[in-house]
C-alpha atoms as a PDB file:
ATOM      1  CA  UNK A   1     -26.694 -14.665  21.562  1.00  0.00           C
ATOM      2  CA  UNK A   2     -25.526 -12.280  24.260  1.00  0.00           C
ATOM      3  CA  UNK A   3     -24.614  -8.810  22.826  1.00  0.00           C
ATOM      4  CA  UNK A   4     -22.343  -6.397  24.997  1.00  0.00           C
ATOM      5  CA  UNK A   5     -23.613  -2.965  24.794  1.00  0.00           C
ATOM      6  CA  UNK A   6     -20.925  -1.290  26.851  1.00  0.00           C
ATOM      7  CA  UNK A   7     -17.454  -2.087  27.650  1.00  0.00           C
ATOM      8  CA  UNK A   8     -17.075  -3.762  30.927  1.00  0.00           C
ATOM      9  CA  UNK A   9     -13.753  -3.136  32.803  1.00  0.00           C
ATOM     10  CA  UNK A  10     -11.649  -5.142  34.993  1.00  0.00           C
ATOM     11  CA  UNK A  11      -8.123  -6.108  35.913  1.00  0.00           C
ATOM     12  CA  UNK A  12      -6.852  -8.564  38.461  1.00  0.00           C
ATOM     13  CA  UNK A  13      -4.893  -6.176  40.720  1.00  0.00           C
ATOM     14  CA  UNK A  14      -1.505  -5.822  42.109  1.00  0.00           C
ATOM     15  CA  UNK A  15       1.722  -5.021  40.428  1.00  0.00           C
ATOM     16  CA  UNK A  16       2.302  -7.382  37.530  1.00  0.00           C
ATOM     17  CA  UNK A  17       4.891  -7.402  34.761  1.00  0.00           C
ATOM     18  CA  UNK A  18       2.716  -9.774  32.619  1.00  0.00           C
ATOM     19  CA  UNK A  19       1.642  -8.715  29.151  1.00  0.00           C
ATOM     20  CA  UNK A  20      -1.921  -8.471  27.751  1.00  0.00           C
ATOM     21  CA  UNK A  21      -2.520  -9.372  24.163  1.00  0.00           C
ATOM     22  CA  UNK A  22      -5.746  -8.416  22.578  1.00  0.00           C
ATOM     23  CA  UNK A  23      -7.020 -10.890  20.003  1.00  0.00           C
ATOM     24  CA  UNK A  24      -9.799  -9.993  17.474  1.00  0.00           C
ATOM     25  CA  UNK A  25      -9.044 -12.472  14.677  1.00  0.00           C
ATOM     26  CA  UNK A  26      -7.627 -16.045  14.373  1.00  0.00           C
ATOM     27  CA  UNK A  27      -5.704 -15.609  17.767  1.00  0.00           C
ATOM     28  CA  UNK A  28      -9.263 -15.929  19.422  1.00  0.00           C
ATOM     29  CA  UNK A  29      -9.364 -19.599  18.463  1.00  0.00           C
ATOM     30  CA  UNK A  30      -5.664 -20.381  17.636  1.00  0.00           C
ATOM     31  CA  UNK A  31      -3.245 -18.501  19.908  1.00  0.00           C
ATOM     32  CA  UNK A  32      -0.422 -20.750  19.538  1.00  0.00           C
ATOM     33  CA  UNK A  33       1.344 -19.504  22.625  1.00  0.00           C
ATOM     34  CA  UNK A  34       1.258 -20.122  26.313  1.00  0.00           C
ATOM     35  CA  UNK A  35      -0.928 -17.784  28.490  1.00  0.00           C
ATOM     36  CA  UNK A  36      -1.834 -17.616  32.118  1.00  0.00           C
ATOM     37  CA  UNK A  37      -5.358 -16.131  31.458  1.00  0.00           C
ATOM     38  CA  UNK A  38      -7.855 -15.712  28.781  1.00  0.00           C
ATOM     39  CA  UNK A  39     -10.748 -13.132  29.226  1.00  0.00           C
ATOM     40  CA  UNK A  40     -13.305 -11.343  26.914  1.00  0.00           C
ATOM     41  CA  UNK A  41     -12.107  -7.883  26.375  1.00  0.00           C
ATOM     42  CA  UNK A  42     -12.723  -4.926  24.099  1.00  0.00           C
ATOM     43  CA  UNK A  43     -10.884  -1.894  22.616  1.00  0.00           C
ATOM     44  CA  UNK A  44     -12.516   1.431  21.989  1.00  0.00           C
ATOM     45  CA  UNK A  45     -12.572   3.307  18.812  1.00  0.00           C
ATOM     46  CA  UNK A  46     -11.879   0.409  16.544  1.00  0.00           C
ATOM     47  CA  UNK A  47     -14.013  -2.016  14.287  1.00  0.00           C
ATOM     48  CA  UNK A  48     -13.132  -5.332  12.933  1.00  0.00           C
ATOM     49  CA  UNK A  49     -13.031  -5.391   9.321  1.00  0.00           C
ATOM     50  CA  UNK A  50     -12.139  -7.843   6.513  1.00  0.00           C
ATOM     51  CA  UNK A  51      -9.998  -5.315   4.852  1.00  0.00           C
ATOM     52  CA  UNK A  52      -6.452  -6.911   4.958  1.00  0.00           C
ATOM     53  CA  UNK A  53      -5.114  -9.066   2.251  1.00  0.00           C
ATOM     54  CA  UNK A  54      -3.459 -12.371   3.355  1.00  0.00           C
ATOM     55  CA  UNK A  55      -0.719 -13.512   0.942  1.00  0.00           C
ATOM     56  CA  UNK A  56       0.930 -15.646   3.621  1.00  0.00           C
ATOM     57  CA  UNK A  57      -1.752 -17.463   5.560  1.00  0.00           C
ATOM     58  CA  UNK A  58      -5.150 -17.554   3.925  1.00  0.00           C
ATOM     59  CA  UNK A  59      -4.031 -16.790   0.389  1.00  0.00           C
ATOM     60  CA  UNK A  60      -1.013 -16.497  -1.816  1.00  0.00           C
ATOM     61  CA  UNK A  61       0.614 -13.529  -3.532  1.00  0.00           C
ATOM     62  CA  UNK A  62      -1.327 -14.143  -6.672  1.00  0.00           C
ATOM     63  CA  UNK A  63      -4.584 -14.697  -4.959  1.00  0.00           C
ATOM     64  CA  UNK A  64      -4.866 -13.144  -1.597  1.00  0.00           C
ATOM     65  CA  UNK A  65      -7.436 -14.000   0.926  1.00  0.00           C
ATOM     66  CA  UNK A  66      -9.087 -11.453   3.323  1.00  0.00           C
ATOM     67  CA  UNK A  67      -8.451 -11.372   6.973  1.00  0.00           C
ATOM     68  CA  UNK A  68      -9.620  -8.961   9.626  1.00  0.00           C
ATOM     69  CA  UNK A  69      -7.823  -5.828  10.818  1.00  0.00           C
ATOM     70  CA  UNK A  70      -8.929  -3.117  13.159  1.00  0.00           C
ATOM     71  CA  UNK A  71     -10.283   0.039  11.528  1.00  0.00           C
ATOM     72  CA  UNK A  72     -10.304   3.227  13.423  1.00  0.00           C
ATOM     73  CA  UNK A  73     -13.963   4.316  14.080  1.00  0.00           C
ATOM     74  CA  UNK A  74     -14.801   6.756  16.834  1.00  0.00           C
ATOM     75  CA  UNK A  75     -17.575   5.693  19.253  1.00  0.00           C
ATOM     76  CA  UNK A  76     -17.212   1.931  18.377  1.00  0.00           C
ATOM     77  CA  UNK A  77     -16.000  -1.003  20.629  1.00  0.00           C
ATOM     78  CA  UNK A  78     -14.483  -4.140  19.182  1.00  0.00           C
ATOM     79  CA  UNK A  79     -14.771  -7.256  21.393  1.00  0.00           C
ATOM     80  CA  UNK A  80     -12.413 -10.094  21.382  1.00  0.00           C
ATOM     81  CA  UNK A  81     -10.307 -11.775  23.970  1.00  0.00           C
ATOM     82  CA  UNK A  82      -7.288 -10.720  25.996  1.00  0.00           C
ATOM     83  CA  UNK A  83      -4.526 -13.117  26.965  1.00  0.00           C
ATOM     84  CA  UNK A  84      -2.198 -12.565  29.816  1.00  0.00           C
ATOM     85  CA  UNK A  85       1.205 -13.623  29.099  1.00  0.00           C
ATOM     86  CA  UNK A  86       3.836 -14.034  31.914  1.00  0.00           C
ATOM     87  CA  UNK A  87       6.869 -11.908  32.022  1.00  0.00           C
ATOM     88  CA  UNK A  88       9.138 -14.973  31.476  1.00  0.00           C
ATOM     89  CA  UNK A  89       7.384 -15.942  28.163  1.00  0.00           C
ATOM     90  CA  UNK A  90       6.993 -12.310  26.978  1.00  0.00           C
ATOM     91  CA  UNK A  91       9.663 -11.827  24.569  1.00  0.00           C
ATOM     92  CA  UNK A  92       9.276 -15.483  22.983  1.00  0.00           C
ATOM     93  CA  UNK A  93       5.547 -14.770  22.574  1.00  0.00           C
ATOM     94  CA  UNK A  94       6.211 -11.376  20.972  1.00  0.00           C
ATOM     95  CA  UNK A  95       8.990 -12.701  18.569  1.00  0.00           C
ATOM     96  CA  UNK A  96       6.551 -15.437  17.568  1.00  0.00           C
ATOM     97  CA  UNK A  97       3.529 -13.066  17.089  1.00  0.00           C
ATOM     98  CA  UNK A  98       5.822 -10.578  15.114  1.00  0.00           C
ATOM     99  CA  UNK A  99       6.624 -13.365  12.766  1.00  0.00           C
ATOM    100  CA  UNK A 100       3.060 -14.632  12.489  1.00  0.00           C
ATOM    101  CA  UNK A 101       1.653 -11.264  11.838  1.00  0.00           C
ATOM    102  CA  UNK A 102       4.485 -10.176   9.487  1.00  0.00           C
ATOM    103  CA  UNK A 103       2.164  -9.769   6.346  1.00  0.00           C
ATOM    104  CA  UNK A 104       1.406  -6.162   6.908  1.00  0.00           C
ATOM    105  CA  UNK A 105       0.504  -5.969  10.587  1.00  0.00           C
ATOM    106  CA  UNK A 106       2.118  -3.438  13.027  1.00  0.00           C
ATOM    107  CA  UNK A 107       2.398  -4.271  16.867  1.00  0.00           C
ATOM    108  CA  UNK A 108       0.179  -1.379  18.279  1.00  0.00           C
ATOM    109  CA  UNK A 109      -0.279  -0.490  22.091  1.00  0.00           C
ATOM    110  CA  UNK A 110      -3.855  -0.311  23.030  1.00  0.00           C
ATOM    111  CA  UNK A 111      -5.965  -0.028  26.249  1.00  0.00           C
ATOM    112  CA  UNK A 112      -8.410  -3.025  26.811  1.00  0.00           C
ATOM    113  CA  UNK A 113     -11.226  -3.368  29.020  1.00  0.00           C
ATOM    114  CA  UNK A 114     -11.383  -6.870  30.626  1.00  0.00           C
ATOM    115  CA  UNK A 115     -14.768  -8.436  31.299  1.00  0.00           C
ATOM    116  CA  UNK A 116     -14.961  -7.758  35.048  1.00  0.00           C
ATOM    117  CA  UNK A 117     -16.726  -4.800  36.804  1.00  0.00           C
ATOM    118  CA  UNK A 118     -15.206  -1.760  38.593  1.00  0.00           C
ATOM    119  CA  UNK A 119     -11.772  -1.483  37.271  1.00  0.00           C
ATOM    120  CA  UNK A 120      -9.613   0.549  34.804  1.00  0.00           C
ATOM    121  CA  UNK A 121      -8.490  -0.552  31.325  1.00  0.00           C
ATOM    122  CA  UNK A 122      -5.183  -2.228  31.194  1.00  0.00           C
ATOM    123  CA  UNK A 123      -2.360  -1.711  28.674  1.00  0.00           C
ATOM    124  CA  UNK A 124      -2.090  -4.399  25.993  1.00  0.00           C
ATOM    125  CA  UNK A 125      -0.669  -4.969  22.508  1.00  0.00           C
ATOM    126  CA  UNK A 126      -2.441  -6.000  19.483  1.00  0.00           C
ATOM    127  CA  UNK A 127      -1.743  -6.178  15.706  1.00  0.00           C
ATOM    128  CA  UNK A 128      -3.334  -3.808  13.240  1.00  0.00           C
ATOM    129  CA  UNK A 129      -2.773  -3.641   9.382  1.00  0.00           C
ATOM    130  CA  UNK A 130      -2.640   0.011   8.470  1.00  0.00           C
ATOM    131  CA  UNK A 131      -4.054   1.164   5.125  1.00  0.00           C
ATOM    132  CA  UNK A 132      -0.448   2.114   4.282  1.00  0.00           C
ATOM    133  CA  UNK A 133       0.790  -1.703   4.222  1.00  0.00           C
ATOM    134  CA  UNK A 134       1.369  -3.423   0.691  1.00  0.00           C
ATOM    135  CA  UNK A 135      -1.385  -6.162   1.451  1.00  0.00           C
ATOM    136  CA  UNK A 136      -4.111  -3.820   2.536  1.00  0.00           C
ATOM    137  CA  UNK A 137      -7.257  -4.290   0.316  1.00  0.00           C
ATOM    138  CA  UNK A 138      -9.623  -1.892   2.021  1.00  0.00           C
ATOM    139  CA  UNK A 139     -13.469  -1.842   1.967  1.00  0.00           C
ATOM    140  CA  UNK A 140     -15.542  -3.782  -0.458  1.00  0.00           C
ATOM    141  CA  UNK A 141     -19.090  -4.767  -0.850  1.00  0.00           C
ATOM    142  CA  UNK A 142     -19.846  -7.795   1.395  1.00  0.00           C
ATOM    143  CA  UNK A 143     -20.706  -9.870  -1.580  1.00  0.00           C
ATOM    144  CA  UNK A 144     -17.266  -9.263  -3.266  1.00  0.00           C
ATOM    145  CA  UNK A 145     -15.458  -9.930   0.054  1.00  0.00           C
ATOM    146  CA  UNK A 146     -17.418 -13.251   0.400  1.00  0.00           C
ATOM    147  CA  UNK A 147     -16.533 -14.278  -3.100  1.00  0.00           C
ATOM    148  CA  UNK A 148     -12.916 -13.547  -2.524  1.00  0.00           C
ATOM    149  CA  UNK A 149     -13.009 -15.554   0.702  1.00  0.00           C
ATOM    150  CA  UNK A 150     -14.683 -18.406  -0.841  1.00  0.00           C
ATOM    151  CA  UNK A 151     -12.058 -18.962  -3.538  1.00  0.00           C
ATOM    152  CA  UNK A 152      -8.887 -18.095  -1.270  1.00  0.00           C
ATOM    153  CA  UNK A 153      -6.572 -20.734   0.227  1.00  0.00           C
ATOM    154  CA  UNK A 154      -3.087 -20.390   1.566  1.00  0.00           C
ATOM    155  CA  UNK A 155      -0.557 -22.324   3.743  1.00  0.00           C
ATOM    156  CA  UNK A 156      -2.737 -21.955   6.887  1.00  0.00           C
ATOM    157  CA  UNK A 157      -5.870 -23.298   5.246  1.00  0.00           C
ATOM    158  CA  UNK A 158      -8.900 -21.947   3.405  1.00  0.00           C
ATOM    159  CA  UNK A 159     -10.009 -18.394   3.860  1.00  0.00           C
ATOM    160  CA  UNK A 160     -13.618 -19.765   4.224  1.00  0.00           C
ATOM    161  CA  UNK A 161     -12.598 -21.652   7.333  1.00  0.00           C
ATOM    162  CA  UNK A 162     -10.961 -18.581   8.751  1.00  0.00           C
ATOM    163  CA  UNK A 163     -14.049 -16.564   8.244  1.00  0.00           C
ATOM    164  CA  UNK A 164     -16.461 -19.172   9.656  1.00  0.00           C
ATOM    165  CA  UNK A 165     -14.161 -20.033  12.635  1.00  0.00           C
ATOM    166  CA  UNK A 166     -14.133 -16.305  13.552  1.00  0.00           C
ATOM    167  CA  UNK A 167     -17.910 -16.003  13.379  1.00  0.00           C
ATOM    168  CA  UNK A 168     -18.277 -19.299  15.456  1.00  0.00           C
ATOM    169  CA  UNK A 169     -15.721 -18.114  18.133  1.00  0.00           C
ATOM    170  CA  UNK A 170     -17.479 -14.870  18.465  1.00  0.00           C
ATOM    171  CA  UNK A 171     -20.872 -16.442  18.750  1.00  0.00           C
ATOM    172  CA  UNK A 172     -19.487 -19.023  21.308  1.00  0.00           C
ATOM    173  CA  UNK A 173     -18.149 -16.129  23.532  1.00  0.00           C
ATOM    174  CA  UNK A 174     -21.660 -14.343  23.333  1.00  0.00           C
ATOM    175  CA  UNK A 175     -20.122 -11.457  21.215  1.00  0.00           C
ATOM    176  CA  UNK A 176     -21.704  -9.663  18.327  1.00  0.00           C
ATOM    177  CA  UNK A 177     -20.053  -8.302  15.198  1.00  0.00           C
ATOM    178  CA  UNK A 178     -22.374  -7.164  12.587  1.00  0.00           C
ATOM    179  CA  UNK A 179     -19.688  -7.181   9.761  1.00  0.00           C
ATOM    180  CA  UNK A 180     -18.368 -10.787  10.512  1.00  0.00           C
ATOM    181  CA  UNK A 181     -21.862 -12.225  10.914  1.00  0.00           C
ATOM    182  CA  UNK A 182     -23.060 -10.612   7.648  1.00  0.00           C
ATOM    183  CA  UNK A 183     -20.144 -12.049   5.862  1.00  0.00           C
ATOM    184  CA  UNK A 184     -20.733 -15.475   7.622  1.00  0.00           C
ATOM    185  CA  UNK A 185     -24.275 -15.518   6.455  1.00  0.00           C
ATOM    186  CA  UNK A 186     -23.146 -14.863   2.723  1.00  0.00           C
ATOM    187  CA  UNK A 187     -20.765 -17.617   2.958  1.00  0.00           C
END
């Protein structure tokens, strides 16, 4: 497995009104929108954590699942993928993502580093579930997270499938995430 130790940077030059969307969870394997380009990318100062409750996709209100959000953590990089969306599709894609991520996630402006050498970060958007949202579950021992993931199921499928697909997708991209892989090993 390839492990990125530093954030590679890059951008396809020129003036472009397209939008970059940073994906770190289910959008990695199921974007459900048209895009012109998909590239490995990272954000700095964030870590991926199974701290968000899912009452609309991988759980239900009486038995929430756990999905990933980004947690602020200085000095850390979170790798995922960035999708370039054409200007013509921008509003439709954002409207659909706003609906999909409505369960406690806020749209956030970030800078991403694309997996190409010698360039600057590009502006992007991502979705982050802040600790103040009503579905936030926060940190827990990995064994407790695994137990909740094993038993949760919602309209988008089992929480177990979500966690294992995320681990498989990161591994297929050659990306490492200790938290995700530790949970996958428990499952």
